Protein backbone atom coordinates (compact mmCIF):
# COMPACT_ATOMS: atom_id res chain seq x y z
CA UNK A 1 0.00 0.00 0.00
CA UNK A 2 1.41 3.37 -1.00
CA UNK A 3 1.31 6.11 1.63
CA UNK A 4 -0.95 8.94 0.50
CA UNK A 5 0.64 12.35 1.11
CA UNK A 6 -1.12 15.72 1.01
CA UNK A 7 0.26 18.65 -0.97
CA UNK A 8 1.65 20.12 2.27
CA UNK A 9 3.28 16.79 3.14
CA UNK A 10 4.92 16.68 -0.28
CA UNK A 11 6.06 20.28 0.04
CA UNK A 12 7.67 19.54 3.39
CA UNK A 13 9.28 16.36 2.09
CA UNK A 14 10.80 18.25 -0.83
CA UNK A 15 12.51 20.75 1.46
CA UNK A 16 10.29 23.76 0.88
CA UNK A 17 9.93 24.23 4.66
CA UNK A 18 13.63 23.84 5.38
CA UNK A 19 16.04 20.94 5.86
CA UNK A 20 14.94 20.02 9.39
CA UNK A 21 11.27 19.73 8.41
CA UNK A 22 12.28 17.69 5.34
CA UNK A 23 14.30 15.29 7.51
CA UNK A 24 11.44 14.89 9.97
CA UNK A 25 8.95 14.20 7.19
CA UNK A 26 11.29 11.71 5.52
CA UNK A 27 11.60 9.74 8.76
CA UNK A 28 7.84 9.93 9.40
CA UNK A 29 7.08 8.67 5.90
CA UNK A 30 9.46 5.72 6.34
CA UNK A 31 7.90 4.89 9.71
CA UNK A 32 4.36 5.18 8.32
CA UNK A 33 5.22 2.85 5.45
CA UNK A 34 6.74 0.37 7.89
CA UNK A 35 3.54 0.17 9.97
CA UNK A 36 1.28 0.14 6.93
CA UNK A 37 -0.49 3.45 7.47
CA UNK A 38 -2.44 4.55 4.36
CA UNK A 39 -2.10 8.28 5.07
CA UNK A 40 -1.12 10.86 7.69
CA UNK A 41 -3.46 12.78 9.97
CA UNK A 42 -3.24 16.15 11.73
CA UNK A 43 -2.31 16.21 15.40
CA UNK A 44 -3.08 18.95 17.92
CA UNK A 45 -0.12 18.35 20.22
CA UNK A 46 2.92 16.22 21.02
CA UNK A 47 4.91 15.05 24.04
CA UNK A 48 8.59 14.26 23.54
CA UNK A 49 10.36 11.47 25.42
CA UNK A 50 13.86 12.18 24.08
CA UNK A 51 15.12 14.65 26.71
CA UNK A 52 16.74 11.93 28.83
CA UNK A 53 20.39 11.73 27.86
CA UNK A 54 21.35 8.18 26.84
CA UNK A 55 24.36 9.02 24.70
CA UNK A 56 25.70 11.13 21.87
CA UNK A 57 23.35 9.79 19.16
CA UNK A 58 20.26 11.34 20.74
CA UNK A 59 21.93 14.71 21.15
CA UNK A 60 23.32 14.61 17.61
CA UNK A 61 19.84 13.97 16.23
CA UNK A 62 18.29 16.98 17.97
CA UNK A 63 21.29 19.22 17.26
CA UNK A 64 20.96 18.43 13.55
CA UNK A 65 17.34 19.57 13.63
CA UNK A 66 18.32 22.76 15.46
CA UNK A 67 21.04 23.47 12.86
CA UNK A 68 18.42 22.99 10.13
CA UNK A 69 16.24 25.73 11.70
CA UNK A 70 13.70 23.19 12.85
CA UNK A 71 10.58 24.22 14.78
CA UNK A 72 7.71 22.19 16.14
CA UNK A 73 4.37 22.99 14.49
CA UNK A 74 2.05 22.04 17.37
CA UNK A 75 2.16 22.68 21.14
CA UNK A 76 4.85 20.25 22.31
CA UNK A 77 5.61 19.30 25.90
CA UNK A 78 8.84 17.73 27.11
CA UNK A 79 9.31 14.65 29.25
CA UNK A 80 11.82 14.48 32.10
CA UNK A 81 15.47 15.07 31.39
CA UNK A 82 18.58 13.74 33.13
CA UNK A 83 19.02 16.88 35.21
CA UNK A 84 17.05 18.95 37.73
CA UNK A 85 17.55 22.42 36.29
CA UNK A 86 15.71 23.99 39.24
CA UNK A 87 17.76 22.23 41.94
CA UNK A 88 21.10 21.59 40.18
CA UNK A 89 23.01 21.10 43.43
CA UNK A 90 21.15 17.86 44.16
CA UNK A 91 22.35 16.03 41.07
CA UNK A 92 25.52 13.96 41.43
CA UNK A 93 26.78 13.83 37.85
CA UNK A 94 30.28 14.09 36.31
CA UNK A 95 30.82 17.30 34.34
CA UNK A 96 31.44 15.28 31.17
CA UNK A 97 27.93 13.86 31.46
CA UNK A 98 26.22 16.96 32.85
CA UNK A 99 27.11 19.17 29.90
CA UNK A 100 25.43 17.03 27.20
CA UNK A 101 22.48 16.25 29.50
CA UNK A 102 21.81 19.96 29.96
CA UNK A 103 22.44 20.64 26.27
CA UNK A 104 19.90 18.01 25.20
CA UNK A 105 17.20 19.66 27.30
CA UNK A 106 18.11 23.12 25.97
CA UNK A 107 18.21 21.95 22.34
CA UNK A 108 14.59 20.82 22.55
CA UNK A 109 13.63 24.29 23.76
CA UNK A 110 15.39 25.77 20.72
CA UNK A 111 13.02 23.71 18.55
CA UNK A 112 10.09 25.51 20.18
CA UNK A 113 9.10 22.85 22.70
CA UNK A 114 7.63 23.88 26.06
CA UNK A 115 9.88 23.67 29.14
CA UNK A 116 7.57 21.30 31.01
CA UNK A 117 10.08 18.50 31.73
CA UNK A 118 7.41 16.28 33.23
CA UNK A 119 6.26 12.72 32.64
CA UNK A 120 2.71 13.90 33.42
CA UNK A 121 1.89 16.45 30.69
CA UNK A 122 -1.79 15.79 31.37
CA UNK A 123 -1.30 17.80 34.59
CA UNK A 124 -0.29 20.91 32.63
CA UNK A 125 -2.22 23.51 30.64
CA UNK A 126 -1.40 21.45 27.55
CA UNK A 127 -3.72 18.61 28.56
CA UNK A 128 -5.60 17.35 25.47
CA UNK A 129 -9.34 16.80 25.26
CA UNK A 130 -11.46 13.77 24.47
CA UNK A 131 -10.97 12.52 20.91
CA UNK A 132 -7.99 14.80 20.16
CA UNK A 133 -5.32 13.30 17.92
CA UNK A 134 -1.88 13.66 19.55
CA UNK A 135 1.57 12.08 19.28
CA UNK A 136 2.92 11.31 22.73
CA UNK A 137 5.99 9.50 24.01
CA UNK A 138 6.43 8.27 27.65
CA UNK A 139 4.50 5.13 28.53
CA UNK A 140 2.45 6.41 31.49
CA UNK A 141 1.47 9.58 29.62
CA UNK A 142 0.35 7.55 26.61
CA UNK A 143 -1.85 5.19 28.60
CA UNK A 144 -3.34 8.06 30.62
CA UNK A 145 -4.14 10.12 27.52
CA UNK A 146 -5.80 7.20 25.74
CA UNK A 147 -7.60 5.67 28.70
CA UNK A 148 -8.50 8.38 31.20
CA UNK A 149 -8.91 11.34 28.83
CA UNK A 150 -9.92 9.52 25.65
CA UNK A 151 -7.41 11.37 23.49
CA UNK A 152 -5.73 9.31 20.76
CA UNK A 153 -2.08 8.37 20.42
CA UNK A 154 0.04 5.34 19.74
CA UNK A 155 3.12 4.47 21.78
CA UNK A 156 5.60 6.74 20.04
CA UNK A 157 9.26 6.26 20.84
CA UNK A 158 12.22 8.61 20.72
CA UNK A 159 12.65 10.57 17.49
CA UNK A 160 9.31 9.59 15.92
CA UNK A 161 7.44 11.68 18.50
CA UNK A 162 9.64 14.66 17.61
CA UNK A 163 9.16 14.07 13.86
CA UNK A 164 5.40 14.17 14.43
CA UNK A 165 5.72 17.42 16.37
CA UNK A 166 7.84 19.02 13.64
CA UNK A 167 5.44 18.07 10.86
CA UNK A 168 2.17 18.35 12.80
CA UNK A 169 1.29 14.92 11.42
CA UNK A 170 1.10 11.30 12.55
CA UNK A 171 0.40 8.01 10.75
CA UNK A 172 -3.30 7.16 10.48
CA UNK A 173 -2.86 3.83 12.20
CA UNK A 174 -3.31 1.95 15.46
CA UNK A 175 -5.01 3.72 18.34
CA UNK A 176 -5.64 6.86 16.30
CA UNK A 177 -8.51 4.91 14.68
CA UNK A 178 -11.78 4.05 16.45
CA UNK A 179 -11.91 0.47 15.21
CA UNK A 180 -8.54 -0.29 16.83
CA UNK A 181 -9.61 0.91 20.28
CA UNK A 182 -11.88 -2.08 20.97
CA UNK A 183 -11.24 -4.02 24.14
CA UNK A 184 -9.94 -7.54 23.59
CA UNK A 185 -9.31 -9.17 26.99
CA UNK A 186 -11.57 -8.91 30.05
CA UNK A 187 -10.31 -8.73 33.63
CA UNK A 188 -13.03 -9.28 36.25
CA UNK A 189 -12.36 -8.28 39.84
CA UNK A 190 -14.04 -10.84 42.08
CA UNK A 191 -14.93 -9.89 45.64
CA UNK A 192 -15.28 -6.60 47.48
CA UNK A 193 -12.44 -4.11 47.10
CA UNK A 194 -11.83 -0.78 48.77
CA UNK A 195 -10.52 1.85 46.34
CA UNK A 196 -7.06 2.03 47.92
CA UNK A 197 -4.05 3.35 46.02
CA UNK A 198 -2.43 -0.08 46.27
CA UNK A 199 -5.42 -1.75 44.62
CA UNK A 200 -5.03 0.34 41.48
CA UNK A 201 -1.29 -0.34 41.34
CA UNK A 202 -1.89 -4.07 41.81
CA UNK A 203 -4.52 -4.23 39.08
CA UNK A 204 -2.17 -2.36 36.74
CA UNK A 205 0.66 -4.80 37.41
CA UNK A 206 -1.57 -7.78 36.68
CA UNK A 207 -3.17 -6.51 33.48
CA UNK A 208 0.22 -5.34 32.17
CA UNK A 209 1.73 -8.81 32.52
CA UNK A 210 -1.28 -10.68 31.15
CA UNK A 211 -2.49 -8.48 28.27
CA UNK A 212 0.41 -8.77 25.85
CA UNK A 213 -0.47 -6.53 22.90
CA UNK A 214 -4.21 -6.77 23.59
CA UNK A 215 -6.37 -3.93 24.96
CA UNK A 216 -7.61 -4.80 28.47
CA UNK A 217 -11.07 -4.11 29.84
CA UNK A 218 -11.54 -4.10 33.61
CA UNK A 219 -14.88 -4.78 35.27
CA UNK A 220 -15.62 -4.63 38.98
CA UNK A 221 -13.08 -1.88 39.66
CA UNK A 222 -14.39 0.45 42.39
CA UNK A 223 -14.88 4.09 41.48
CA UNK A 224 -11.50 5.78 41.96
CA UNK A 225 -11.08 8.58 44.47
CA UNK A 226 -9.55 10.68 41.71
CA UNK A 227 -7.66 10.36 38.45
CA UNK A 228 -4.36 9.88 40.30
CA UNK A 229 -5.44 6.33 41.09
CA UNK A 230 -6.08 5.71 37.40
CA UNK A 231 -2.70 7.30 36.69
CA UNK A 232 -1.09 4.73 39.01
CA UNK A 233 -2.97 1.86 37.36
CA UNK A 234 -1.95 2.90 33.87
CA UNK A 235 1.67 3.52 34.83
CA UNK A 236 1.94 0.05 36.38
CA UNK A 237 0.29 -1.59 33.35
CA UNK A 238 2.63 0.20 30.95
CA UNK A 239 5.61 -0.77 33.11
CA UNK A 240 4.99 -4.52 33.32
CA UNK A 241 3.57 -4.73 29.80
CA UNK A 242 2.90 -2.84 26.59
CA UNK A 243 -0.50 -1.43 27.57
CA UNK A 244 -1.25 1.86 25.78
CA UNK A 245 -5.02 1.85 26.41
CA UNK A 246 -7.25 0.25 29.02
CA UNK A 247 -10.98 0.50 29.53
CA UNK A 248 -12.46 0.46 33.05
CA UNK A 249 -16.19 -0.24 32.85
CA UNK A 250 -18.35 2.69 34.06
CA UNK A 251 -15.18 4.70 34.81
CA UNK A 252 -13.24 5.56 31.65
CA UNK A 253 -14.88 7.56 28.85
CA UNK A 254 -15.04 4.84 26.18
CA UNK A 255 -16.40 2.13 28.49
CA UNK A 256 -19.75 3.20 29.93
CA UNK A 257 -20.72 -0.47 29.56
CA UNK A 258 -18.86 -3.70 28.84
CA UNK A 259 -20.62 -3.82 25.48
CA UNK A 260 -19.31 -0.37 24.58
CA UNK A 261 -15.76 -1.27 25.66
CA UNK A 262 -15.77 -4.37 23.41
CA UNK A 263 -17.61 -2.63 20.53
CA UNK A 264 -20.38 -5.21 20.85
CA UNK A 265 -18.04 -8.17 20.42
CA UNK A 266 -17.06 -10.92 22.86
CA UNK A 267 -13.72 -10.80 24.71
CA UNK A 268 -10.95 -13.06 23.43
CA UNK A 269 -10.27 -14.18 26.99
CA UNK A 270 -11.55 -13.54 30.51
CA UNK A 271 -9.25 -13.46 33.54
CA UNK A 272 -10.50 -13.14 37.11
CA UNK A 273 -8.55 -11.10 39.64
CA UNK A 274 -8.88 -11.99 43.34
CA UNK A 275 -7.62 -10.30 46.48
CA UNK A 276 -4.87 -12.93 46.65
CA UNK A 277 -3.77 -12.03 43.11
CA UNK A 278 -3.50 -8.35 44.09
CA UNK A 279 -1.54 -9.17 47.25
CA UNK A 280 0.84 -11.41 45.31
CA UNK A 281 1.49 -8.79 42.62
CA UNK A 282 2.20 -6.09 45.20
CA UNK A 283 4.43 -8.36 47.30
CA UNK A 284 6.75 -8.83 44.32
CA UNK A 285 7.49 -5.08 44.33
CA UNK A 286 9.29 -5.30 47.69
CA UNK A 287 12.67 -6.94 48.20
CA UNK A 288 12.87 -6.46 51.98
CA UNK A 289 10.71 -7.34 55.00
CA UNK A 290 9.14 -4.98 57.51
CA UNK A 291 11.67 -3.69 60.01
CA UNK A 292 14.44 -3.16 57.45
CA UNK A 293 16.37 0.09 58.06
CA UNK A 294 15.17 2.93 55.86
CA UNK A 295 17.49 5.21 53.86
CA UNK A 296 14.94 7.34 51.99
CA UNK A 297 11.42 7.68 50.65
CA UNK A 298 10.73 8.45 46.98
CA UNK A 299 7.25 9.48 45.84
CA UNK A 300 5.89 10.79 42.58
CA UNK A 301 6.57 8.42 39.69
CA UNK A 302 4.66 9.49 37.60
CA UNK A 303 5.08 13.05 38.82
CA UNK A 304 3.05 14.08 41.85
CA UNK A 305 -0.06 16.10 41.07
CA UNK A 306 -1.21 19.10 43.10
CA UNK A 307 -3.95 16.91 44.59
CA UNK A 308 -1.38 14.35 45.76
CA UNK A 309 0.64 17.11 47.38
CA UNK A 310 -2.50 18.22 49.21
CA UNK A 311 -2.78 14.73 50.69
CA UNK A 312 0.93 14.46 51.51
CA UNK A 313 1.55 17.77 53.29
CA UNK A 314 -0.99 17.17 56.10
CA UNK A 315 0.53 13.70 56.60
CA UNK A 316 3.96 15.27 57.12
CA UNK A 317 2.54 17.58 59.77
CA UNK A 318 0.58 14.77 61.43
CA UNK A 319 3.33 12.14 61.51
CA UNK A 320 6.24 14.60 61.80
CA UNK A 321 9.10 12.52 60.39
CA UNK A 322 12.31 14.12 61.66
CA UNK A 323 14.93 11.37 61.77
CA UNK A 324 16.91 12.82 58.91
CA UNK A 325 15.43 10.42 56.37
CA UNK A 326 14.89 12.35 53.16
CA UNK A 327 11.49 12.25 51.48
CA UNK A 328 12.05 12.93 47.79
CA UNK A 329 8.96 13.95 45.83
CA UNK A 330 9.26 13.99 42.04
CA UNK A 331 6.96 16.58 40.51
CA UNK A 332 6.49 18.79 37.47
CA UNK A 333 7.89 22.29 37.58
CA UNK A 334 4.44 23.79 36.91
CA UNK A 335 3.04 21.98 39.95
CA UNK A 336 6.07 23.02 42.03
CA UNK A 337 5.66 26.66 41.02
CA UNK A 338 1.99 26.58 42.00
CA UNK A 339 2.83 25.11 45.42
CA UNK A 340 5.50 27.77 46.00
CA UNK A 341 3.11 30.54 44.97
CA UNK A 342 0.58 29.18 47.45
CA UNK A 343 3.20 29.01 50.22
CA UNK A 344 2.30 25.36 50.69
CA UNK A 345 5.89 24.14 51.11
CA UNK A 346 6.95 26.63 53.78
CA UNK A 347 8.70 24.83 56.64
CA UNK A 348 8.28 21.39 55.07
CA UNK A 349 12.04 20.82 54.84
CA UNK A 350 12.00 20.27 58.62
CA UNK A 351 10.21 16.98 57.93
CA UNK A 352 12.82 15.87 55.41
CA UNK A 353 10.88 16.95 52.32
CA UNK A 354 13.01 17.38 49.18
CA UNK A 355 11.12 18.33 46.00
CA UNK A 356 12.66 17.07 42.75
CA UNK A 357 11.69 18.66 39.42
CA UNK A 358 12.53 18.11 35.74
CA UNK A 359 13.69 14.51 36.30
CA UNK A 360 13.05 11.47 38.51
CA UNK A 361 15.08 9.77 41.23
CA UNK A 362 15.14 6.39 39.47
CA UNK A 363 16.89 7.80 36.37
CA UNK A 364 19.15 10.50 37.87
CA UNK A 365 21.71 10.26 40.68
CA UNK A 366 19.95 12.30 43.37
CA UNK A 367 19.29 9.95 46.31
CA UNK A 368 22.17 10.37 48.76
CA UNK A 369 22.20 6.87 50.26
CA UNK A 370 21.64 3.73 48.22
CA UNK A 371 22.90 1.30 50.89
CA UNK A 372 19.60 1.12 52.73
CA UNK A 373 16.01 0.63 51.69
CA UNK A 374 14.02 3.20 49.74
CA UNK A 375 10.26 3.14 50.21
CA UNK A 376 7.88 4.22 47.47
CA UNK A 377 4.17 4.34 46.71
CA UNK A 378 4.87 3.93 43.00
CA UNK A 379 4.61 0.61 41.19
CA UNK A 380 6.67 2.04 38.35
CA UNK A 381 9.47 3.28 40.64
CA UNK A 382 9.53 -0.01 42.56
CA UNK A 383 9.77 -1.97 39.29
CA UNK A 384 12.59 0.03 37.69
CA UNK A 385 14.72 1.39 40.55
CA UNK A 386 16.49 -1.87 41.57
CA UNK A 387 17.86 -2.30 38.04
CA UNK A 388 18.48 1.37 37.35
CA UNK A 389 20.16 2.53 40.57
CA UNK A 390 20.80 -0.71 42.45
CA UNK A 391 18.61 0.05 45.43
CA UNK A 392 16.48 -2.19 47.65
CA UNK A 393 12.80 -1.24 47.55
CA UNK A 394 9.80 -1.51 49.81
CA UNK A 395 6.39 -0.67 48.33
CA UNK A 396 3.63 0.81 50.49
CA UNK A 397 0.94 3.48 50.44
CA UNK A 398 1.88 7.09 51.16
CA UNK A 399 0.86 7.01 54.83
CA UNK A 400 3.03 3.96 55.53
CA UNK A 401 5.94 5.57 53.66
CA UNK A 402 5.75 8.63 55.93
CA UNK A 403 5.16 6.51 59.08
CA UNK A 404 8.30 4.56 58.19
CA UNK A 405 10.30 7.76 57.74
CA UNK A 406 9.18 8.78 61.24
CA UNK A 407 10.42 5.55 62.88
CA UNK A 408 13.46 4.90 60.67
CA UNK A 409 12.52 1.47 59.36
CA UNK A 410 10.01 -0.17 57.03
CA UNK A 411 6.59 -0.21 58.68
CA UNK A 412 3.51 -1.35 56.81
CA UNK A 413 -0.12 -1.63 57.86
CA UNK A 414 -1.83 -5.01 57.79
CA UNK A 415 -4.31 -4.89 54.88
């Protein structure tokens, strides 16, 4: 099948909009042909996952676009980088690595991208609406946009997301199309479940491992307290699997009923999830028992929302952790600015609070001590941190994380 290009696409491909735009369109055309897309479609926004410095090739790619006078054509947010530009003193990075890491972040700004540096662009003013066609990188952002908002994007990796942003186009393929958003595998929660944060993480872990490349539908999930619980579910599912879209019956916008979620068809498979399944999935996130000495707490992967901060700050005052155990909270700079403007963080450093912006503690050397246990409320952080930074992890809800910081060792409530 030949890819159908519009007159504007052809003009861009032929270099009439400059060499950078031509390069981006050439790559996008090759990608679209590879996936069998018949044409390109307009997008209203993009989110770029290439700000994290992995080596010279990534920087060279973006620098080439900058040299070719490249500019993004749609509002384009940036994912986390390898450096906290707001708190540079916290980052332990050799100068030889710091310079290109900073340069990569700056080069994206020179292309016209927004200085968001967050893995949760849906928490910013650039949040898309239902049905909007977008091109997003970053697994948790993709699954949130598709599932919770009902916007439309595929899982775009490094470079392709930027090519979409620079052309304002994406391949008409995959989850951009209604017929490809049908649920395929059903997960039924059996029994009574309280809508705890841990429940949503546990369900995400299970559906991620079991879905493969199929779109999961979840029935029996209790109504979430807020979208942060759905954020945690999606992040866990995208971490343990390739989930880019899930439907939660009577919760997410394309699944008012099971019939709607499956587009009137029968599921390929049905899997039941019990309380024991949830407990087993969550237990695998921790590598240490209760009582293990605590080195730090890390919250906010994906980045903490303003609502999560509003739940955390009273806990700090109530439980008053003051044993010198740092409580790192990864958050977007827009959220951090809002908190500072509100005066919400005044005096919080006395409880060990250390805000982290622009990056995340599982990808950047920020945590001071890695010889003890780090507690987290994040399924994603717990999954990746042992391999990324060599740390022992204990998973728990936010209250137990702060209680543990107050006593100096891992302390978890009996569920």
